[in-house]
């Protein structure tokens, strides 16, 4: 959290993006520097979007990959659970049929 920063510190923000998850920069001053948005908010958003967004894109890509893999794993588990349930049901019917034929 940085306050009383009169102009947008672009290079510092790009460096900070490599090591922090959250960033707050404003030109407001004490006693409450976080009560208003910085005058350079639009430029701050552009810098973060253009220079820092690669980490977010990586997170999105990894999220999609692991989401798909997790979905496939769940699908496979459901497939085998249904297959086992049907096999068990079929075996039970077979036992009943064989038992009735013996009578």
Protein backbone atom coordinates (compact mmCIF):
# COMPACT_ATOMS: atom_id res chain seq x y z
CA UNK A 1 0.00 0.00 0.00
CA UNK A 2 1.54 3.23 -1.18
CA UNK A 3 0.06 6.67 -0.53
CA UNK A 4 1.07 10.27 -1.22
CA UNK A 5 2.55 9.23 -4.58
CA UNK A 6 2.02 12.31 -6.80
CA UNK A 7 2.57 10.54 -10.12
CA UNK A 8 2.18 7.01 -11.37
CA UNK A 9 5.36 4.97 -10.61
CA UNK A 10 5.12 2.68 -13.68
CA UNK A 11 8.49 0.92 -13.30
CA UNK A 12 7.92 0.31 -9.60
CA UNK A 13 4.47 -1.15 -10.29
CA UNK A 14 5.84 -3.54 -12.93
CA UNK A 15 8.51 -4.72 -10.47
CA UNK A 16 5.99 -5.01 -7.64
CA UNK A 17 3.71 -7.18 -9.77
CA UNK A 18 6.38 -9.87 -9.75
CA UNK A 19 6.32 -10.27 -5.97
CA UNK A 20 2.93 -9.11 -4.65
CA UNK A 21 -0.63 -10.26 -5.12
CA UNK A 22 -2.36 -7.03 -4.11
CA UNK A 23 -1.31 -3.48 -4.88
CA UNK A 24 -2.72 -0.14 -3.77
CA UNK A 25 -1.22 3.14 -5.00
CA UNK A 26 -2.79 6.54 -4.51
CA UNK A 27 -1.92 10.23 -4.63
CA UNK A 28 -4.16 10.97 -1.63
CA UNK A 29 -2.51 12.07 1.62
CA UNK A 30 -2.79 11.42 5.36
CA UNK A 31 -4.75 11.19 7.64
CA UNK A 32 -6.88 8.91 5.38
CA UNK A 33 -5.12 8.40 2.03
CA UNK A 34 -7.38 5.54 1.00
CA UNK A 35 -10.70 7.39 1.03
CA UNK A 36 -10.52 8.36 -2.66
CA UNK A 37 -9.30 6.80 -5.86
CA UNK A 38 -6.04 8.08 -7.34
CA UNK A 39 -6.25 10.72 -10.06
CA UNK A 40 -4.19 8.40 -12.29
CA UNK A 41 -6.47 5.37 -11.81
CA UNK A 42 -7.01 4.82 -15.55
CA UNK A 43 -3.26 4.82 -16.24
CA UNK A 44 -2.69 2.54 -13.24
CA UNK A 45 -5.22 0.06 -14.61
CA UNK A 46 -3.55 0.15 -18.05
CA UNK A 47 -0.10 -0.53 -16.58
CA UNK A 48 -1.40 -3.43 -14.49
CA UNK A 49 -3.35 -4.86 -17.43
CA UNK A 50 -0.47 -4.55 -19.93
CA UNK A 51 2.55 -5.32 -17.75
CA UNK A 52 1.29 -7.43 -14.85
CA UNK A 53 -1.46 -9.44 -16.47
CA UNK A 54 0.85 -12.27 -17.61
CA UNK A 55 0.60 -13.77 -14.13
CA UNK A 56 -3.18 -13.63 -14.27
CA UNK A 57 -3.20 -15.25 -17.71
CA UNK A 58 -0.99 -18.05 -16.40
CA UNK A 59 -3.39 -18.53 -13.49
CA UNK A 60 -6.35 -18.68 -15.87
CA UNK A 61 -4.60 -21.21 -18.12
CA UNK A 62 -3.61 -23.40 -15.15
CA UNK A 63 -7.13 -23.13 -13.76
CA UNK A 64 -8.62 -24.28 -17.05
CA UNK A 65 -6.14 -27.15 -17.43
CA UNK A 66 -6.67 -28.44 -13.88
CA UNK A 67 -10.41 -27.87 -14.17
CA UNK A 68 -10.56 -29.99 -17.31
CA UNK A 69 -8.36 -32.69 -15.78
CA UNK A 70 -10.49 -32.66 -12.63
CA UNK A 71 -13.65 -32.91 -14.74
CA UNK A 72 -12.22 -35.86 -16.65
CA UNK A 73 -11.23 -37.58 -13.40
CA UNK A 74 -14.72 -37.10 -11.98
CA UNK A 75 -16.24 -38.36 -15.21
CA UNK A 76 -14.08 -41.49 -15.14
CA UNK A 77 -15.00 -42.13 -11.50
CA UNK A 78 -18.70 -41.76 -12.27
CA UNK A 79 -18.37 -44.04 -15.32
CA UNK A 80 -16.78 -46.83 -13.29
CA UNK A 81 -19.20 -46.36 -10.39
CA UNK A 82 -22.17 -46.70 -12.76
CA UNK A 83 -20.53 -49.66 -14.48
CA UNK A 84 -19.94 -51.37 -11.12
CA UNK A 85 -23.53 -50.63 -10.03
CA UNK A 86 -24.96 -52.08 -13.27
CA UNK A 87 -22.72 -55.15 -13.03
CA UNK A 88 -23.82 -55.72 -9.45
CA UNK A 89 -27.48 -55.31 -10.44
CA UNK A 90 -27.03 -57.70 -13.39
CA UNK A 91 -25.30 -60.29 -11.20
CA UNK A 92 -28.11 -60.05 -8.64
CA UNK A 93 -30.69 -60.70 -11.39
CA UNK A 94 -28.63 -63.61 -12.67
CA UNK A 95 -28.50 -65.18 -9.22
CA UNK A 96 -32.27 -64.80 -8.85
CA UNK A 97 -32.86 -66.40 -12.27
CA UNK A 98 -30.52 -69.32 -11.53
CA UNK A 99 -32.12 -69.79 -8.11
CA UNK A 100 -35.65 -69.85 -9.61
CA UNK A 101 -34.60 -72.38 -12.25
CA UNK A 102 -33.40 -74.76 -9.56
CA UNK A 103 -36.81 -74.66 -7.90
